[in-house]
N, C-alpha and C. Protein backbone atom coordinates (compact mmCIF):
# COMPACT_ATOMS: atom_id res chain seq x y z
N MET A 1 -41.08 202.96 11.58
CA MET A 1 -41.30 201.74 10.59
C MET A 1 -40.75 201.51 9.47
N LYS A 2 -39.82 200.14 9.05
CA LYS A 2 -39.54 199.76 7.98
C LYS A 2 -40.62 198.89 7.06
N LEU A 3 -41.03 198.97 6.05
CA LEU A 3 -41.94 198.23 5.27
C LEU A 3 -41.03 197.34 3.79
N ILE A 4 -40.64 196.21 3.58
CA ILE A 4 -39.97 195.36 3.04
C ILE A 4 -40.30 194.69 2.30
N ARG A 5 -40.48 194.11 0.86
CA ARG A 5 -41.30 193.30 0.13
C ARG A 5 -39.96 192.54 -0.77
N VAL A 6 -40.25 191.13 -0.61
CA VAL A 6 -38.93 190.37 -1.08
C VAL A 6 -39.47 189.01 -1.24
N TRP A 7 -39.30 189.31 -3.18
CA TRP A 7 -40.30 187.31 -3.40
C TRP A 7 -39.44 186.47 -3.33
N ASP A 8 -40.31 185.11 -2.77
CA ASP A 8 -39.27 184.03 -2.17
C ASP A 8 -40.28 182.71 -2.35
N MET A 9 -39.06 181.68 -2.72
CA MET A 9 -39.89 180.79 -2.83
C MET A 9 -40.33 180.23 -1.37
N PRO A 10 -42.07 179.88 -1.52
CA PRO A 10 -42.25 178.93 -0.69
C PRO A 10 -41.86 177.47 0.35
N HIS A 11 -42.20 177.85 1.68
CA HIS A 11 -41.67 176.41 1.87
C HIS A 11 -42.51 175.94 3.14
N ARG A 12 -43.01 174.95 3.31
CA ARG A 12 -43.48 174.38 4.60
C ARG A 12 -43.26 174.51 6.06
N PHE A 13 -42.14 174.80 5.94
CA PHE A 13 -40.97 175.42 6.97
C PHE A 13 -40.57 176.75 7.32
N THR A 14 -41.46 177.79 7.42
CA THR A 14 -41.39 178.78 7.47
C THR A 14 -39.65 179.41 7.45
N PHE A 15 -38.96 178.80 8.13
CA PHE A 15 -37.66 179.25 8.79
C PHE A 15 -36.45 178.88 7.65
N LYS A 16 -36.84 177.86 6.65
CA LYS A 16 -36.01 177.43 5.42
C LYS A 16 -36.64 178.68 4.63
N ILE A 17 -37.40 179.52 4.20
CA ILE A 17 -37.20 180.14 3.58
C ILE A 17 -36.38 181.44 3.68
N PRO A 18 -35.40 181.90 2.82
CA PRO A 18 -34.23 182.19 2.51
C PRO A 18 -34.17 183.80 3.33
N THR A 19 -35.13 184.42 2.97
CA THR A 19 -35.53 185.87 3.35
C THR A 19 -35.84 185.34 4.92
N VAL A 20 -36.37 184.66 5.41
CA VAL A 20 -36.48 184.51 7.03
C VAL A 20 -35.43 183.71 7.64
N LYS A 21 -34.91 183.31 7.29
CA LYS A 21 -33.19 182.89 7.39
C LYS A 21 -32.13 184.12 7.99
N CYS A 22 -32.34 184.69 6.72
CA CYS A 22 -32.10 185.94 7.15
C CYS A 22 -32.10 186.96 8.05
N MET A 23 -33.57 187.12 8.33
CA MET A 23 -34.16 188.11 9.30
C MET A 23 -33.47 187.33 10.29
N LEU A 24 -33.75 186.14 10.62
CA LEU A 24 -33.75 185.33 12.10
C LEU A 24 -32.08 185.57 12.62
N ARG A 25 -31.27 185.73 11.50
CA ARG A 25 -29.85 185.78 11.51
C ARG A 25 -29.94 187.04 12.59
N ARG A 26 -30.04 187.99 11.70
CA ARG A 26 -30.29 189.63 12.02
C ARG A 26 -30.93 190.14 13.25
N PHE A 27 -32.05 189.75 13.76
CA PHE A 27 -32.76 189.66 14.78
C PHE A 27 -32.53 188.65 15.82
N VAL A 28 -32.34 187.47 15.93
CA VAL A 28 -32.21 186.41 17.09
C VAL A 28 -30.70 186.10 16.75
N GLY A 29 -29.73 185.98 16.10
CA GLY A 29 -28.29 185.71 16.64
C GLY A 29 -28.69 184.45 16.65
N ASN A 30 -27.77 184.18 17.99
CA ASN A 30 -27.46 182.91 18.58
C ASN A 30 -28.61 182.19 18.99
N GLY A 31 -29.95 182.56 18.75
CA GLY A 31 -31.19 182.42 20.00
C GLY A 31 -30.99 182.57 21.36
N ARG A 32 -29.97 182.61 22.18
CA ARG A 32 -29.76 182.89 23.40
C ARG A 32 -31.10 183.75 23.75
N GLY A 33 -31.83 182.87 25.02
CA GLY A 33 -32.98 183.94 25.72
C GLY A 33 -34.11 184.73 24.38
N TRP A 34 -34.35 183.49 23.66
CA TRP A 34 -35.39 183.39 23.12
C TRP A 34 -35.98 182.05 22.95
N ALA A 35 -37.74 182.46 22.90
CA ALA A 35 -38.22 181.49 22.95
C ALA A 35 -39.14 180.95 21.58
N ASP A 36 -39.39 179.78 21.16
CA ASP A 36 -40.85 179.62 20.21
C ASP A 36 -41.42 178.54 20.70
N PRO A 37 -42.81 178.64 21.03
CA PRO A 37 -43.79 178.15 20.99
C PRO A 37 -44.76 177.27 20.56
N PHE A 38 -44.24 177.52 18.81
CA PHE A 38 -44.61 176.94 18.04
C PHE A 38 -43.34 176.62 17.03
N ALA A 39 -42.48 175.42 17.63
CA ALA A 39 -40.87 175.44 17.42
C ALA A 39 -40.89 174.60 15.77
N ASN A 40 -41.61 173.04 15.98
CA ASN A 40 -41.57 172.44 15.35
C ASN A 40 -39.91 171.75 15.20
N ASN A 41 -38.88 171.60 13.89
CA ASN A 41 -38.07 171.07 14.19
C ASN A 41 -36.77 172.07 13.38
N ARG A 42 -36.97 173.36 13.10
CA ARG A 42 -36.68 174.38 12.53
C ARG A 42 -35.85 175.43 13.28
N SER A 43 -36.72 175.85 14.49
CA SER A 43 -36.24 177.04 15.04
C SER A 43 -35.02 176.97 15.83
N PRO A 44 -34.13 178.76 15.65
CA PRO A 44 -33.12 179.00 16.32
C PRO A 44 -33.26 179.23 17.89
N ALA A 45 -34.51 179.40 18.18
CA ALA A 45 -34.42 179.34 19.93
C ALA A 45 -33.78 178.63 20.60
N GLU A 46 -33.37 179.87 21.82
CA GLU A 46 -32.76 178.56 23.23
C GLU A 46 -33.97 177.36 23.37
N HIS A 47 -34.68 177.88 23.67
CA HIS A 47 -35.99 177.23 24.42
C HIS A 47 -37.37 176.93 23.48
N THR A 48 -37.61 175.83 22.90
CA THR A 48 -38.25 175.83 21.93
C THR A 48 -39.48 174.34 22.26
N ASN A 49 -40.41 174.36 21.77
CA ASN A 49 -41.83 173.91 22.12
C ASN A 49 -42.60 173.52 20.97
N ASP A 50 -43.13 172.94 21.00
CA ASP A 50 -44.42 172.09 20.13
C ASP A 50 -45.30 170.95 20.64
N LEU A 51 -46.39 171.28 20.76
CA LEU A 51 -47.49 170.02 20.48
C LEU A 51 -46.73 168.96 19.86
N ASN A 52 -46.47 168.56 19.50
CA ASN A 52 -46.35 167.02 18.47
C ASN A 52 -44.64 166.91 18.93
N PRO A 53 -45.15 165.65 20.28
CA PRO A 53 -44.06 165.08 20.87
C PRO A 53 -42.93 164.56 19.17
N ASP A 54 -43.25 164.23 18.23
CA ASP A 54 -42.53 164.01 17.26
C ASP A 54 -41.56 165.05 16.68
N THR A 55 -41.77 166.15 17.53
CA THR A 55 -40.90 167.07 17.03
C THR A 55 -39.25 167.09 17.49
N ALA A 56 -38.06 168.12 17.30
CA ALA A 56 -37.12 167.70 17.90
C ALA A 56 -37.45 169.04 19.13
N ALA A 57 -38.66 169.96 19.38
CA ALA A 57 -38.67 170.43 20.56
C ALA A 57 -38.52 169.81 21.57
N THR A 58 -37.71 170.72 22.76
CA THR A 58 -37.52 170.57 24.09
C THR A 58 -38.90 170.06 24.77
N HIS A 59 -39.52 171.05 24.62
CA HIS A 59 -41.22 171.03 25.60
C HIS A 59 -41.64 170.46 24.23
N HIS A 60 -42.94 169.78 25.29
CA HIS A 60 -44.21 169.64 24.24
C HIS A 60 -45.66 169.61 24.35
N LYS A 61 -45.79 171.27 25.21
CA LYS A 61 -46.65 171.26 25.51
C LYS A 61 -47.67 172.34 25.38
N ASP A 62 -48.38 172.88 25.56
CA ASP A 62 -49.70 174.02 24.88
C ASP A 62 -48.84 175.44 24.80
N ALA A 63 -49.31 176.22 23.86
CA ALA A 63 -48.23 177.28 23.94
C ALA A 63 -48.20 177.94 25.03
N VAL A 64 -49.46 178.77 25.30
CA VAL A 64 -49.99 179.22 26.37
C VAL A 64 -48.78 178.44 27.59
N ALA A 65 -49.38 177.42 28.09
CA ALA A 65 -48.36 176.84 29.55
C ALA A 65 -47.06 176.75 29.25
N PHE A 66 -46.27 176.93 27.86
CA PHE A 66 -44.67 177.04 27.88
C PHE A 66 -44.29 178.03 28.23
N LEU A 67 -45.02 179.38 27.23
CA LEU A 67 -44.67 180.29 27.76
C LEU A 67 -45.19 181.32 29.09
N ALA A 68 -46.29 180.57 29.97
CA ALA A 68 -46.35 181.08 31.09
C ALA A 68 -45.23 180.64 32.43
N SER A 69 -44.33 179.45 31.43
CA SER A 69 -43.39 179.23 32.53
C SER A 69 -42.00 180.08 32.81
N PHE A 70 -41.96 180.83 31.94
CA PHE A 70 -40.98 181.77 32.19
C PHE A 70 -41.46 183.41 32.90
N ALA A 71 -40.71 183.43 33.56
CA ALA A 71 -40.83 184.67 34.31
C ALA A 71 -40.63 186.00 33.87
N THR A 72 -41.56 186.81 34.23
CA THR A 72 -41.99 188.28 33.48
C THR A 72 -40.29 188.73 33.42
N ARG A 73 -40.87 189.35 32.00
CA ARG A 73 -39.57 190.05 31.59
C ARG A 73 -38.51 189.53 31.56
N SER A 74 -38.14 187.78 31.35
CA SER A 74 -37.02 187.34 31.32
C SER A 74 -36.26 186.73 30.14
N LEU A 75 -37.35 187.19 29.33
CA LEU A 75 -36.52 186.64 27.81
C LEU A 75 -36.02 188.25 27.11
N GLU A 76 -35.09 187.60 26.07
CA GLU A 76 -34.55 188.50 24.56
C GLU A 76 -36.23 188.73 23.62
N GLY A 77 -36.44 187.86 23.88
CA GLY A 77 -38.07 187.66 22.27
C GLY A 77 -38.22 186.23 22.56
N VAL A 78 -39.59 186.58 21.80
CA VAL A 78 -40.40 185.45 21.12
C VAL A 78 -40.71 185.16 19.81
N LEU A 79 -40.58 184.28 18.88
CA LEU A 79 -41.27 183.78 17.88
C LEU A 79 -42.27 183.53 17.89
N LEU A 80 -43.09 183.91 16.92
CA LEU A 80 -44.33 183.27 16.73
C LEU A 80 -44.66 182.56 15.14
N ASP A 81 -44.35 181.71 15.17
CA ASP A 81 -45.04 180.98 13.97
C ASP A 81 -45.84 180.00 14.29
N PRO A 82 -47.28 180.37 14.41
CA PRO A 82 -48.58 179.40 14.76
C PRO A 82 -49.03 179.02 13.48
N PRO A 83 -49.95 177.58 13.23
CA PRO A 83 -50.53 177.67 12.15
C PRO A 83 -51.03 178.95 11.56
N TYR A 84 -51.07 178.96 10.33
CA TYR A 84 -52.22 180.10 9.81
C TYR A 84 -53.36 179.81 9.38
N SER A 85 -53.85 178.63 9.50
CA SER A 85 -55.28 178.21 9.58
C SER A 85 -55.99 177.38 9.68
N MET A 86 -57.07 176.93 10.14
CA MET A 86 -57.67 175.68 10.03
C MET A 86 -56.92 174.67 9.25
N HIS A 87 -56.44 174.53 8.38
CA HIS A 87 -56.28 173.67 7.35
C HIS A 87 -54.42 172.96 8.00
N GLN A 88 -54.05 174.18 8.60
CA GLN A 88 -52.87 173.73 8.43
C GLN A 88 -52.74 173.34 10.14
N CYS A 89 -53.99 173.88 11.32
CA CYS A 89 -53.81 173.30 12.19
C CYS A 89 -54.13 171.38 12.50
N VAL A 90 -55.26 170.94 11.10
CA VAL A 90 -55.42 169.88 11.07
C VAL A 90 -53.86 169.08 10.51
N VAL A 91 -53.32 169.83 9.51
CA VAL A 91 -52.12 168.77 8.42
C VAL A 91 -51.47 168.71 10.24
N THR A 92 -50.93 170.10 10.89
CA THR A 92 -49.91 170.27 11.45
C THR A 92 -50.27 169.53 12.90
N TYR A 93 -50.84 169.35 13.38
CA TYR A 93 -51.42 168.62 15.09
C TYR A 93 -52.30 167.88 15.18
N GLY A 94 -53.31 167.80 13.86
CA GLY A 94 -54.29 166.99 13.85
C GLY A 94 -55.80 167.19 14.75
N VAL A 95 -55.73 168.25 15.35
CA VAL A 95 -56.65 169.34 15.96
C VAL A 95 -57.84 169.67 14.69
N GLU A 96 -59.06 169.84 14.94
CA GLU A 96 -60.00 170.42 14.24
C GLU A 96 -60.55 171.72 14.44
N ARG A 97 -59.29 172.63 15.06
CA ARG A 97 -59.88 173.61 15.99
C ARG A 97 -58.97 174.93 15.70
N VAL A 98 -59.34 175.80 15.40
CA VAL A 98 -58.33 177.07 15.52
C VAL A 98 -57.73 177.24 17.02
N ILE A 99 -56.36 177.22 16.76
CA ILE A 99 -55.65 177.70 18.10
C ILE A 99 -55.29 179.03 18.27
N ALA A 100 -56.25 179.40 19.74
CA ALA A 100 -56.70 180.64 19.96
C ALA A 100 -55.61 181.65 20.42
N LEU A 101 -54.98 182.95 19.74
CA LEU A 101 -53.90 183.10 19.89
C LEU A 101 -53.56 184.53 20.71
N THR A 102 -54.73 184.78 21.11
CA THR A 102 -54.92 186.05 22.16
C THR A 102 -53.73 185.91 23.20
N PRO A 103 -54.27 184.83 24.07
CA PRO A 103 -53.32 184.36 25.78
C PRO A 103 -52.21 183.65 24.76
N VAL A 104 -51.97 183.51 23.84
CA VAL A 104 -50.18 183.23 23.50
C VAL A 104 -49.67 184.57 23.74
N PHE A 105 -50.35 185.81 22.56
CA PHE A 105 -49.76 186.95 22.29
C PHE A 105 -49.69 187.50 24.30
N ASP A 106 -50.99 187.40 25.23
CA ASP A 106 -50.83 188.36 26.17
C ASP A 106 -49.51 187.63 27.23
N GLU A 107 -49.19 186.20 26.92
CA GLU A 107 -47.98 185.46 27.97
C GLU A 107 -46.57 185.87 27.05
N ALA A 108 -46.24 186.27 25.70
CA ALA A 108 -45.32 186.68 24.91
C ALA A 108 -45.03 188.07 25.38
N ALA A 109 -45.69 188.76 25.53
CA ALA A 109 -45.77 189.91 25.48
C ALA A 109 -45.40 190.26 27.09
N ARG A 110 -45.71 189.43 28.27
CA ARG A 110 -45.43 189.13 29.52
C ARG A 110 -44.37 188.90 29.68
N VAL A 111 -43.38 187.81 29.11
CA VAL A 111 -42.24 187.17 29.16
C VAL A 111 -40.82 187.90 28.32
N VAL A 112 -41.60 189.20 27.31
CA VAL A 112 -40.06 189.32 26.76
C VAL A 112 -39.96 190.77 27.59
N ARG A 113 -38.55 191.07 27.77
CA ARG A 113 -38.11 192.22 28.48
C ARG A 113 -38.39 193.30 27.50
N GLU A 114 -38.54 194.59 28.37
CA GLU A 114 -38.60 195.98 27.68
C GLU A 114 -37.13 196.17 26.32
N GLY A 115 -37.52 196.67 25.68
CA GLY A 115 -36.02 196.73 24.36
C GLY A 115 -36.07 195.45 23.76
N GLY A 116 -36.60 194.25 23.93
CA GLY A 116 -36.91 192.72 23.54
C GLY A 116 -38.17 192.82 22.13
N THR A 117 -38.13 192.00 21.33
CA THR A 117 -38.66 191.52 20.02
C THR A 117 -39.44 190.58 20.54
N ILE A 118 -40.37 190.54 19.34
CA ILE A 118 -41.16 189.52 19.12
C ILE A 118 -41.70 189.29 17.40
N ILE A 119 -41.30 188.43 17.26
CA ILE A 119 -41.27 188.33 15.77
C ILE A 119 -42.40 187.39 15.21
N SER A 120 -43.57 188.06 14.56
CA SER A 120 -44.66 187.12 14.35
C SER A 120 -45.07 186.49 12.95
N PHE A 121 -45.00 185.64 12.53
CA PHE A 121 -45.25 184.82 10.87
C PHE A 121 -46.60 184.79 11.05
N GLY A 122 -47.32 184.76 10.28
CA GLY A 122 -48.53 184.49 9.25
C GLY A 122 -49.06 185.07 8.19
N TRP A 123 -50.37 185.33 8.29
CA TRP A 123 -50.79 185.94 6.74
C TRP A 123 -51.67 187.07 7.23
N ASN A 124 -51.26 188.13 7.99
CA ASN A 124 -51.57 189.44 8.03
C ASN A 124 -50.27 189.97 9.33
N SER A 125 -50.63 191.31 9.14
CA SER A 125 -50.03 191.84 10.72
C SER A 125 -49.79 192.50 11.60
N ASN A 126 -51.08 191.65 12.27
CA ASN A 126 -51.56 192.35 13.43
C ASN A 126 -50.43 192.41 14.15
N GLY A 127 -49.30 191.19 14.37
CA GLY A 127 -48.42 191.16 15.78
C GLY A 127 -49.62 191.16 16.90
N VAL A 128 -48.76 191.70 18.24
CA VAL A 128 -48.99 191.29 19.26
C VAL A 128 -49.47 193.21 19.71
N GLY A 129 -49.30 193.98 19.00
CA GLY A 129 -49.95 195.53 18.88
C GLY A 129 -49.45 196.34 20.51
N VAL A 130 -49.63 197.34 20.35
CA VAL A 130 -49.52 198.39 20.89
C VAL A 130 -50.20 198.06 22.03
N GLY A 131 -51.07 197.86 22.17
CA GLY A 131 -51.55 198.13 23.58
C GLY A 131 -51.64 196.73 24.28
N ARG A 132 -50.36 195.44 24.04
CA ARG A 132 -49.10 195.14 24.97
C ARG A 132 -48.65 196.27 25.03
N GLY A 133 -47.65 196.54 24.76
CA GLY A 133 -46.71 197.81 25.00
C GLY A 133 -45.63 197.26 23.45
N PHE A 134 -45.79 197.43 22.31
CA PHE A 134 -45.02 196.99 21.51
C PHE A 134 -45.30 197.87 20.11
N ASP A 135 -44.03 198.38 19.55
CA ASP A 135 -44.20 199.29 18.65
C ASP A 135 -43.47 198.22 17.36
N ILE A 136 -44.26 198.30 16.20
CA ILE A 136 -43.57 197.46 15.11
C ILE A 136 -42.72 198.44 14.33
N ILE A 137 -41.63 197.60 14.34
CA ILE A 137 -40.02 198.40 13.65
C ILE A 137 -40.01 197.66 12.09
N GLU A 138 -40.44 196.84 12.10
CA GLU A 138 -40.32 196.05 10.42
C GLU A 138 -41.59 195.33 10.01
N VAL A 139 -41.88 195.41 8.95
CA VAL A 139 -43.02 194.58 8.49
C VAL A 139 -42.39 193.92 6.98
N VAL A 140 -41.82 192.34 6.61
CA VAL A 140 -41.62 192.11 5.77
C VAL A 140 -42.74 191.32 4.99
N LEU A 141 -43.47 192.06 3.60
CA LEU A 141 -44.21 190.82 2.89
C LEU A 141 -43.03 190.33 2.25
N ILE A 142 -43.20 188.77 2.15
CA ILE A 142 -42.73 187.89 0.69
C ILE A 142 -43.91 187.11 0.27
N PRO A 143 -44.17 187.67 -0.78
CA PRO A 143 -45.09 186.80 -1.97
C PRO A 143 -44.10 185.69 -2.64
N HIS A 144 -44.90 184.80 -2.77
CA HIS A 144 -44.58 183.68 -3.39
C HIS A 144 -44.60 183.60 -4.85
N GLY A 145 -45.73 184.07 -5.36
CA GLY A 145 -46.09 183.85 -6.80
C GLY A 145 -47.59 183.15 -6.85
N GLY A 146 -48.09 182.92 -8.33
CA GLY A 146 -48.93 181.68 -8.00
C GLY A 146 -50.17 182.21 -6.85
N HIS A 147 -50.69 181.11 -6.75
CA HIS A 147 -52.12 181.19 -5.79
C HIS A 147 -51.30 180.59 -4.52
N HIS A 148 -50.24 181.22 -4.22
CA HIS A 148 -49.51 180.75 -2.26
C HIS A 148 -49.92 182.77 -2.08
N ASN A 149 -50.42 182.44 -0.42
CA ASN A 149 -50.24 183.27 0.36
C ASN A 149 -49.46 183.82 0.52
N ASP A 150 -48.94 185.29 0.56
CA ASP A 150 -47.61 186.44 0.60
C ASP A 150 -47.51 185.52 2.55
N THR A 151 -46.58 185.96 3.07
CA THR A 151 -45.84 185.14 4.09
C THR A 151 -45.37 186.71 4.74
N ILE A 152 -46.26 187.01 6.01
CA ILE A 152 -46.11 188.08 6.50
C ILE A 152 -45.41 188.22 7.96
N VAL A 153 -44.70 189.26 8.18
CA VAL A 153 -43.56 189.03 9.27
C VAL A 153 -43.65 190.00 9.57
N THR A 154 -43.84 190.44 10.73
CA THR A 154 -44.00 191.39 12.14
C THR A 154 -43.32 191.40 12.65
N VAL A 155 -41.96 192.55 12.61
CA VAL A 155 -41.29 192.45 13.96
C VAL A 155 -41.55 193.67 14.49
N GLU A 156 -41.08 193.21 16.58
CA GLU A 156 -42.21 194.48 17.32
C GLU A 156 -41.19 194.32 18.03
N ARG A 157 -40.91 195.79 18.80
CA ARG A 157 -39.70 196.04 19.93
C ARG A 157 -40.79 196.26 20.96
N LYS A 158 -40.35 195.68 22.27
CA LYS A 158 -41.29 196.18 23.57
C LYS A 158 -41.07 197.48 23.85
N VAL A 159 -41.79 198.42 23.83
CA VAL A 159 -41.21 199.77 24.46
C VAL A 159 -42.07 200.09 26.09
N ALA A 160 -42.90 199.40 26.29
CA ALA A 160 -43.30 199.23 27.63
C ALA A 160 -43.78 198.50 28.31
N THR A 161 -44.16 198.15 29.52
CA THR A 161 -45.16 197.22 30.34
C THR A 161 -46.30 197.95 30.73
N THR A 162 -47.13 197.17 30.31
CA THR A 162 -48.14 197.77 30.73
C THR A 162 -48.79 197.16 31.97
N PRO A 163 -49.88 197.49 32.85
CA PRO A 163 -50.44 197.47 33.94
C PRO A 163 -50.90 195.78 33.99
N ALA A 164 -51.50 195.10 32.41
CA ALA A 164 -51.83 193.80 32.44
C ALA A 164 -50.80 192.83 32.46
N MET A 165 -49.39 193.02 31.95
CA MET A 165 -48.42 192.24 31.96
C MET A 165 -47.80 191.86 33.55
N LEU A 166 -48.19 192.95 34.02
CA LEU A 166 -47.42 192.63 35.66
C LEU A 166 -48.18 191.33 36.41
């Protein structure tokens, strides 16, 4: 596992942070075969979704329902950049509840092929985890200085399909 720390300016759109843009070019490439259930307007993924109908995403479903629409092991990768806090849930989606990520992680793990990748963004490095058949290959800490929380990017590769994913 590689641990990288790069200072960068914060941005309300995670994928516009220069360090993140570079990572996405390296791992996602042209986006073909990738899905993003929290896409907003800035995702490089081929398949995009955002609950907010005013975004450029191609679908506007609940994240779990969006991922459930893909066949098992059919994707190269998934980008997971959900709201990081209750405040972000309210600002981004106007909902005053935390988005339950466990079912999102379960579906993301199901739809990614063996050897595929999930890239998770947030304020922790938990990722989808070894219990879902993934190994962490890279963690990038992006401190922003001042009172800003770091953006933490966890890159995981699928090494096995667990019985729960079938």
